[in-house]
């Protein structure tokens, strides 16, 4: 017996978990803010150790990627994400987590078919889109500059 759209909507509404939006937004803000604060602290630390501002920023990016991958590998980043929700998706740490998570899931399949093939299962489309978009924008910019 087919289900009507109204019945499906009611079933979906009853099965959906109720969320507390204010709590979720507050936690996302706090966790995302904490990650950004750690990033700023790292930049200031590297700059105080003698790195130029641009170099300190680059070293901070590498540090945040490493820490995110490490915390994902030992299972801590998942707990941070469960607690902070979207706040843990601060671009650089969230992206590192998106690359490492599928890799760990498929490591039992070996280095090539497991780690290598699954590493970019989530992040791959983002990289492809970014590369293609940058190329298209670059060509358009080049054409506009020629005119």
N, C-alpha and C. Protein backbone atom coordinates (compact mmCIF):
# COMPACT_ATOMS: atom_id res chain seq x y z
N UNK A 1 0.84 -1.17 0.00
CA UNK A 1 0.00 0.00 0.00
C UNK A 1 0.89 1.24 0.00
N UNK A 2 0.76 2.12 -0.98
CA UNK A 2 1.58 3.33 -1.05
C UNK A 2 1.23 4.32 0.06
N UNK A 3 2.25 5.08 0.43
CA UNK A 3 2.08 6.08 1.47
C UNK A 3 1.85 7.44 0.80
N UNK A 4 0.92 8.19 1.32
CA UNK A 4 0.67 9.52 0.77
C UNK A 4 1.75 10.48 1.25
N UNK A 5 1.95 11.56 0.52
CA UNK A 5 2.95 12.55 0.97
C UNK A 5 2.67 13.08 2.37
N UNK A 6 1.40 13.24 2.72
CA UNK A 6 1.05 13.74 4.05
C UNK A 6 1.44 12.72 5.12
N UNK A 7 1.17 11.43 4.85
CA UNK A 7 1.53 10.38 5.81
C UNK A 7 3.05 10.28 5.96
N UNK A 8 3.75 10.39 4.82
CA UNK A 8 5.22 10.34 4.87
C UNK A 8 5.78 11.49 5.68
N UNK A 9 5.22 12.67 5.47
CA UNK A 9 5.67 13.85 6.22
C UNK A 9 5.45 13.66 7.71
N UNK A 10 4.31 13.10 8.07
CA UNK A 10 4.02 12.87 9.49
C UNK A 10 4.96 11.82 10.08
N UNK A 11 5.23 10.73 9.33
CA UNK A 11 6.15 9.70 9.80
C UNK A 11 7.55 10.28 9.97
N UNK A 12 7.98 11.10 9.02
CA UNK A 12 9.30 11.72 9.09
C UNK A 12 9.40 12.65 10.29
N UNK A 13 8.36 13.41 10.51
CA UNK A 13 8.35 14.35 11.64
C UNK A 13 8.44 13.60 12.96
N UNK A 14 7.72 12.49 13.08
CA UNK A 14 7.74 11.70 14.32
C UNK A 14 9.08 11.00 14.53
N UNK A 15 9.73 10.59 13.45
CA UNK A 15 11.00 9.87 13.56
C UNK A 15 12.19 10.79 13.77
N UNK A 16 12.05 12.05 13.40
CA UNK A 16 13.16 13.00 13.52
C UNK A 16 13.43 13.33 14.97
N UNK A 17 14.71 13.43 15.27
CA UNK A 17 15.11 13.80 16.61
C UNK A 17 14.91 15.31 16.80
N UNK A 18 14.37 15.69 17.91
CA UNK A 18 14.16 17.10 18.20
C UNK A 18 15.50 17.72 18.57
N UNK A 19 15.78 18.90 18.03
CA UNK A 19 17.05 19.56 18.32
C UNK A 19 16.81 20.88 19.04
N UNK A 20 17.78 21.25 19.80
CA UNK A 20 17.77 22.53 20.50
C UNK A 20 18.68 23.46 19.72
N UNK A 21 18.12 24.26 18.85
CA UNK A 21 18.91 25.10 17.95
C UNK A 21 19.78 26.10 18.68
N UNK A 22 19.25 26.71 19.72
CA UNK A 22 20.03 27.71 20.46
C UNK A 22 21.26 27.05 21.08
N UNK A 23 21.08 25.89 21.68
CA UNK A 23 22.21 25.17 22.27
C UNK A 23 23.22 24.78 21.20
N UNK A 24 22.75 24.24 20.08
CA UNK A 24 23.64 23.81 19.01
C UNK A 24 24.43 24.99 18.44
N UNK A 25 23.76 26.11 18.22
CA UNK A 25 24.47 27.29 17.68
C UNK A 25 25.49 27.83 18.69
N UNK A 26 25.13 27.80 19.96
CA UNK A 26 26.06 28.29 20.99
C UNK A 26 27.30 27.40 21.05
N UNK A 27 27.10 26.08 21.05
CA UNK A 27 28.24 25.16 21.10
C UNK A 27 29.10 25.28 19.83
N UNK A 28 28.46 25.42 18.67
CA UNK A 28 29.21 25.58 17.43
C UNK A 28 30.04 26.86 17.48
N UNK A 29 29.45 27.92 17.99
CA UNK A 29 30.18 29.19 18.11
C UNK A 29 31.37 29.04 19.05
N UNK A 30 31.16 28.39 20.18
CA UNK A 30 32.24 28.25 21.17
C UNK A 30 33.36 27.34 20.66
N UNK A 31 33.01 26.21 20.05
CA UNK A 31 34.03 25.29 19.56
C UNK A 31 34.78 25.91 18.38
N UNK A 32 34.04 26.48 17.42
CA UNK A 32 34.70 27.15 16.29
C UNK A 32 35.57 28.31 16.75
N UNK A 33 35.07 29.06 17.71
CA UNK A 33 35.85 30.17 18.27
C UNK A 33 37.10 29.68 18.98
N UNK A 34 36.98 28.56 19.69
CA UNK A 34 38.15 28.00 20.38
C UNK A 34 39.22 27.56 19.38
N UNK A 35 38.79 26.93 18.29
CA UNK A 35 39.75 26.50 17.26
C UNK A 35 40.43 27.72 16.65
N UNK A 36 39.64 28.75 16.35
CA UNK A 36 40.22 29.97 15.77
C UNK A 36 41.15 30.68 16.77
N UNK A 37 40.78 30.65 18.04
CA UNK A 37 41.63 31.25 19.07
C UNK A 37 42.95 30.50 19.18
N UNK A 38 42.89 29.17 19.10
CA UNK A 38 44.12 28.37 19.11
C UNK A 38 44.99 28.75 17.90
N UNK A 39 44.35 28.93 16.75
CA UNK A 39 45.08 29.34 15.55
C UNK A 39 45.76 30.68 15.73
N UNK A 40 45.05 31.64 16.29
CA UNK A 40 45.64 32.97 16.53
C UNK A 40 46.78 32.89 17.54
N UNK A 41 46.61 32.06 18.57
CA UNK A 41 47.67 31.89 19.57
C UNK A 41 48.91 31.28 18.92
N UNK A 42 48.70 30.33 18.03
CA UNK A 42 49.84 29.72 17.33
C UNK A 42 50.55 30.74 16.44
N UNK A 43 49.79 31.54 15.72
CA UNK A 43 50.39 32.58 14.88
C UNK A 43 51.25 33.51 15.73
N UNK A 44 50.69 33.98 16.85
CA UNK A 44 51.43 34.88 17.73
C UNK A 44 52.67 34.21 18.32
N UNK A 45 52.55 32.93 18.66
CA UNK A 45 53.69 32.20 19.21
C UNK A 45 54.80 32.07 18.18
N UNK A 46 54.43 31.65 16.95
CA UNK A 46 55.45 31.51 15.90
C UNK A 46 56.07 32.85 15.54
N UNK A 47 55.25 33.91 15.54
CA UNK A 47 55.79 35.24 15.24
C UNK A 47 56.74 35.71 16.34
N UNK A 48 56.41 35.39 17.59
CA UNK A 48 57.29 35.80 18.69
C UNK A 48 58.60 35.01 18.70
N UNK A 49 58.58 33.85 18.04
CA UNK A 49 59.80 33.05 17.94
C UNK A 49 60.67 33.49 16.75
N UNK A 50 60.22 34.53 16.04
CA UNK A 50 61.04 35.08 14.97
C UNK A 50 60.54 34.85 13.57
N UNK A 51 59.43 34.15 13.40
CA UNK A 51 58.90 33.92 12.06
C UNK A 51 58.21 35.18 11.55
N UNK A 52 58.35 35.45 10.26
CA UNK A 52 57.62 36.56 9.66
C UNK A 52 56.13 36.25 9.74
N UNK A 53 55.30 37.28 9.69
CA UNK A 53 53.85 37.09 9.84
C UNK A 53 53.30 36.09 8.82
N UNK A 54 53.71 36.20 7.57
CA UNK A 54 53.24 35.28 6.53
C UNK A 54 53.71 33.85 6.81
N UNK A 55 54.95 33.71 7.24
CA UNK A 55 55.48 32.38 7.57
C UNK A 55 54.78 31.80 8.80
N UNK A 56 54.52 32.65 9.79
CA UNK A 56 53.82 32.20 11.00
C UNK A 56 52.43 31.69 10.65
N UNK A 57 51.76 32.36 9.71
CA UNK A 57 50.43 31.92 9.29
C UNK A 57 50.51 30.58 8.58
N UNK A 58 51.49 30.40 7.72
CA UNK A 58 51.65 29.13 7.01
C UNK A 58 51.97 27.99 7.97
N UNK A 59 52.87 28.24 8.91
CA UNK A 59 53.23 27.21 9.89
C UNK A 59 52.02 26.86 10.76
N UNK A 60 51.21 27.86 11.08
CA UNK A 60 50.00 27.61 11.86
C UNK A 60 49.03 26.72 11.10
N UNK A 61 48.88 26.95 9.80
CA UNK A 61 48.00 26.11 8.99
C UNK A 61 48.47 24.66 9.02
N UNK A 62 49.76 24.47 8.86
CA UNK A 62 50.32 23.12 8.89
C UNK A 62 50.11 22.48 10.26
N UNK A 63 50.30 23.25 11.31
CA UNK A 63 50.11 22.75 12.68
C UNK A 63 48.67 22.34 12.91
N UNK A 64 47.72 23.18 12.49
CA UNK A 64 46.31 22.87 12.68
C UNK A 64 45.90 21.63 11.88
N UNK A 65 46.43 21.48 10.67
CA UNK A 65 46.14 20.29 9.87
C UNK A 65 46.69 19.05 10.57
N UNK A 66 47.92 19.15 11.04
CA UNK A 66 48.54 18.02 11.75
C UNK A 66 47.74 17.65 12.99
N UNK A 67 47.39 18.65 13.80
CA UNK A 67 46.65 18.37 15.03
C UNK A 67 45.28 17.76 14.74
N UNK A 68 44.61 18.27 13.72
CA UNK A 68 43.31 17.73 13.34
C UNK A 68 43.42 16.28 12.87
N UNK A 69 44.43 16.01 12.05
CA UNK A 69 44.64 14.63 11.58
C UNK A 69 44.99 13.71 12.74
N UNK A 70 45.85 14.18 13.63
CA UNK A 70 46.23 13.39 14.80
C UNK A 70 45.03 13.10 15.69
N UNK A 71 44.25 14.14 15.99
CA UNK A 71 43.08 13.96 16.85
C UNK A 71 42.03 13.06 16.19
N UNK A 72 41.93 13.12 14.87
CA UNK A 72 41.02 12.21 14.15
C UNK A 72 41.54 10.79 14.27
N UNK A 73 42.83 10.60 14.11
CA UNK A 73 43.43 9.27 14.17
C UNK A 73 43.27 8.59 15.52
N UNK A 74 43.31 9.36 16.58
CA UNK A 74 43.18 8.76 17.92
C UNK A 74 41.74 8.82 18.44
N UNK A 75 40.81 9.30 17.60
CA UNK A 75 39.39 9.27 17.93
C UNK A 75 38.88 10.42 18.76
N UNK A 76 39.68 11.45 18.97
CA UNK A 76 39.26 12.58 19.79
C UNK A 76 38.45 13.59 18.97
N UNK A 77 38.81 13.79 17.71
CA UNK A 77 38.13 14.81 16.90
C UNK A 77 36.66 14.47 16.72
N UNK A 78 36.32 13.19 16.66
CA UNK A 78 34.91 12.80 16.55
C UNK A 78 34.11 13.27 17.76
N UNK A 79 34.71 13.17 18.93
CA UNK A 79 34.03 13.65 20.15
C UNK A 79 33.87 15.16 20.13
N UNK A 80 34.89 15.86 19.64
CA UNK A 80 34.80 17.32 19.51
C UNK A 80 33.67 17.68 18.54
N UNK A 81 33.58 16.94 17.42
CA UNK A 81 32.54 17.20 16.43
C UNK A 81 31.15 16.90 16.98
N UNK A 82 31.02 15.84 17.77
CA UNK A 82 29.72 15.53 18.36
C UNK A 82 29.29 16.62 19.33
N UNK A 83 30.25 17.15 20.07
CA UNK A 83 29.95 18.19 21.04
C UNK A 83 29.70 19.54 20.37
N UNK A 84 30.60 19.93 19.46
CA UNK A 84 30.56 21.27 18.88
C UNK A 84 29.85 21.37 17.55
N UNK A 85 29.46 20.25 16.97
CA UNK A 85 28.73 20.28 15.71
C UNK A 85 29.46 21.03 14.61
N UNK A 86 28.76 21.96 13.99
CA UNK A 86 29.32 22.70 12.86
C UNK A 86 30.53 23.54 13.24
N UNK A 87 30.71 23.83 14.50
CA UNK A 87 31.88 24.59 14.92
C UNK A 87 33.18 23.86 14.68
N UNK A 88 33.11 22.53 14.61
CA UNK A 88 34.32 21.76 14.35
C UNK A 88 34.66 21.72 12.86
N UNK A 89 33.80 22.30 12.05
CA UNK A 89 34.04 22.32 10.61
C UNK A 89 34.76 23.58 10.17
N UNK A 90 35.43 24.23 11.11
CA UNK A 90 36.27 25.37 10.74
C UNK A 90 37.11 24.89 9.56
N UNK A 91 37.15 25.62 8.46
CA UNK A 91 37.64 25.07 7.20
C UNK A 91 38.87 24.18 7.25
N UNK A 92 39.95 24.59 7.84
CA UNK A 92 41.18 23.81 7.70
C UNK A 92 41.15 22.54 8.55
N UNK A 93 40.60 22.62 9.76
CA UNK A 93 40.56 21.43 10.61
C UNK A 93 39.48 20.47 10.14
N UNK A 94 38.36 20.99 9.71
CA UNK A 94 37.29 20.14 9.19
C UNK A 94 37.71 19.42 7.91
N UNK A 95 38.46 20.12 7.06
CA UNK A 95 38.92 19.52 5.82
C UNK A 95 39.92 18.40 6.11
N UNK A 96 40.83 18.63 7.04
CA UNK A 96 41.79 17.59 7.42
C UNK A 96 41.05 16.37 7.98
N UNK A 97 40.04 16.61 8.78
CA UNK A 97 39.24 15.52 9.32
C UNK A 97 38.52 14.77 8.21
N UNK A 98 38.02 15.49 7.20
CA UNK A 98 37.31 14.86 6.08
C UNK A 98 38.23 14.00 5.23
N UNK A 99 39.52 14.32 5.20
CA UNK A 99 40.47 13.49 4.45
C UNK A 99 40.90 12.27 5.26
N UNK A 100 41.13 12.45 6.55
CA UNK A 100 41.66 11.36 7.39
C UNK A 100 40.59 10.33 7.75
N UNK A 101 39.37 10.75 8.02
CA UNK A 101 38.32 9.82 8.47
C UNK A 101 38.08 8.65 7.52
N UNK A 102 37.83 8.90 6.21
CA UNK A 102 37.62 7.75 5.32
C UNK A 102 38.87 6.90 5.17
N UNK A 103 40.02 7.52 5.29
CA UNK A 103 41.28 6.78 5.19
C UNK A 103 41.36 5.75 6.32
N UNK A 104 41.03 6.15 7.52
CA UNK A 104 41.07 5.24 8.66
C UNK A 104 40.03 4.14 8.53
N UNK A 105 38.89 4.48 7.97
CA UNK A 105 37.81 3.51 7.83
C UNK A 105 38.20 2.37 6.88
N UNK A 106 38.99 2.67 5.86
CA UNK A 106 39.32 1.68 4.86
C UNK A 106 40.77 1.21 4.93
N UNK A 107 41.47 1.46 6.03
CA UNK A 107 42.88 1.07 6.13
C UNK A 107 43.07 -0.44 6.07
N UNK A 108 42.05 -1.19 6.45
CA UNK A 108 42.17 -2.66 6.42
C UNK A 108 42.26 -3.20 4.99
N UNK A 109 41.91 -2.39 4.00
CA UNK A 109 41.98 -2.83 2.60
C UNK A 109 43.37 -2.64 2.01
N UNK A 110 44.30 -2.11 2.77
CA UNK A 110 45.67 -1.95 2.31
C UNK A 110 46.01 -0.50 2.02
N UNK A 111 47.29 -0.28 1.70
CA UNK A 111 47.75 1.08 1.48
C UNK A 111 47.24 1.70 0.18
N UNK A 112 47.19 0.92 -0.89
CA UNK A 112 46.78 1.48 -2.18
C UNK A 112 45.26 1.53 -2.30
N UNK A 113 44.60 0.39 -2.14
CA UNK A 113 43.15 0.34 -2.31
C UNK A 113 42.40 0.89 -1.10
N UNK A 114 42.99 0.87 0.04
CA UNK A 114 42.34 1.39 1.24
C UNK A 114 42.68 2.84 1.47
N UNK A 115 43.91 3.09 1.92
CA UNK A 115 44.31 4.45 2.25
C UNK A 115 44.33 5.36 1.04
N UNK A 116 45.01 4.94 -0.02
CA UNK A 116 45.17 5.81 -1.18
C UNK A 116 43.88 6.09 -1.92
N UNK A 117 43.05 5.06 -2.11
CA UNK A 117 41.83 5.23 -2.89
C UNK A 117 40.74 5.95 -2.12
N UNK A 118 40.67 5.75 -0.84
CA UNK A 118 39.57 6.31 -0.05
C UNK A 118 39.91 7.66 0.59
N UNK A 119 41.17 8.07 0.50
CA UNK A 119 41.60 9.30 1.16
C UNK A 119 40.79 10.52 0.72
N UNK A 120 40.48 10.58 -0.56
CA UNK A 120 39.80 11.77 -1.08
C UNK A 120 38.34 11.51 -1.43
N UNK A 121 37.74 10.50 -0.82
CA UNK A 121 36.36 10.16 -1.15
C UNK A 121 35.41 11.30 -0.80
N UNK A 122 35.66 12.01 0.27
CA UNK A 122 34.83 13.15 0.66
C UNK A 122 35.44 14.45 0.16
N UNK A 123 36.73 14.60 0.34
CA UNK A 123 37.40 15.86 0.00
C UNK A 123 37.69 15.99 -1.48
N UNK A 124 37.71 14.89 -2.21
CA UNK A 124 38.04 14.91 -3.63
C UNK A 124 37.20 15.86 -4.45
N UNK A 125 35.87 15.81 -4.34
CA UNK A 125 35.05 16.73 -5.12
C UNK A 125 35.34 18.19 -4.81
N UNK A 126 35.68 18.49 -3.57
CA UNK A 126 36.01 19.86 -3.21
C UNK A 126 37.29 20.30 -3.92
N UNK A 127 38.29 19.41 -3.93
CA UNK A 127 39.55 19.73 -4.61
C UNK A 127 39.35 19.88 -6.11
N UNK A 128 38.57 19.00 -6.71
CA UNK A 128 38.32 19.08 -8.16
C UNK A 128 37.59 20.37 -8.49
N UNK A 129 36.54 20.69 -7.74
CA UNK A 129 35.79 21.92 -8.00
C UNK A 129 36.68 23.14 -7.83
N UNK A 130 37.48 23.16 -6.78
CA UNK A 130 38.37 24.30 -6.56
C UNK A 130 39.38 24.47 -7.68
N UNK A 131 39.94 23.37 -8.14
CA UNK A 131 40.92 23.43 -9.23
C UNK A 131 40.27 23.90 -10.53
N UNK A 132 39.13 23.34 -10.87
CA UNK A 132 38.44 23.72 -12.10
C UNK A 132 37.97 25.18 -12.02
N UNK A 133 37.39 25.57 -10.89
CA UNK A 133 36.92 26.95 -10.74
C UNK A 133 38.08 27.94 -10.84
N UNK A 134 39.20 27.63 -10.21
CA UNK A 134 40.36 28.52 -10.27
C UNK A 134 40.88 28.64 -11.69
N UNK A 135 40.88 27.53 -12.43
CA UNK A 135 41.33 27.56 -13.82
C UNK A 135 40.39 28.41 -14.68
N UNK A 136 39.10 28.20 -14.53
CA UNK A 136 38.12 28.96 -15.31
C UNK A 136 38.22 30.45 -14.98
N UNK A 137 38.28 30.78 -13.70
CA UNK A 137 38.39 32.18 -13.31
C UNK A 137 39.70 32.79 -13.81
N UNK A 138 40.77 32.00 -13.76
CA UNK A 138 42.06 32.49 -14.26
C UNK A 138 42.02 32.78 -15.75
N UNK A 139 41.39 31.92 -16.52
CA UNK A 139 41.27 32.14 -17.97
C UNK A 139 40.41 33.37 -18.24
N UNK A 140 39.30 33.50 -17.53
CA UNK A 140 38.45 34.69 -17.70
C UNK A 140 39.23 35.95 -17.34
N UNK A 141 39.95 35.93 -16.25
CA UNK A 141 40.75 37.08 -15.84
C UNK A 141 41.81 37.41 -16.89
N UNK A 142 42.45 36.39 -17.43
CA UNK A 142 43.47 36.59 -18.46
C UNK A 142 42.86 37.23 -19.70
N UNK A 143 41.68 36.75 -20.13
CA UNK A 143 41.00 37.30 -21.29
C UNK A 143 40.62 38.76 -21.03
N UNK A 144 40.09 39.05 -19.87
CA UNK A 144 39.70 40.43 -19.54
C UNK A 144 40.93 41.34 -19.54
N UNK A 145 42.06 40.86 -19.05
CA UNK A 145 43.28 41.66 -19.03
C UNK A 145 43.82 41.92 -20.43
N UNK A 146 43.55 41.00 -21.35
CA UNK A 146 44.02 41.15 -22.74
C UNK A 146 43.24 42.23 -23.47
N UNK A 147 42.01 42.46 -23.08
CA UNK A 147 41.14 43.42 -23.77
C UNK A 147 41.43 44.81 -23.39
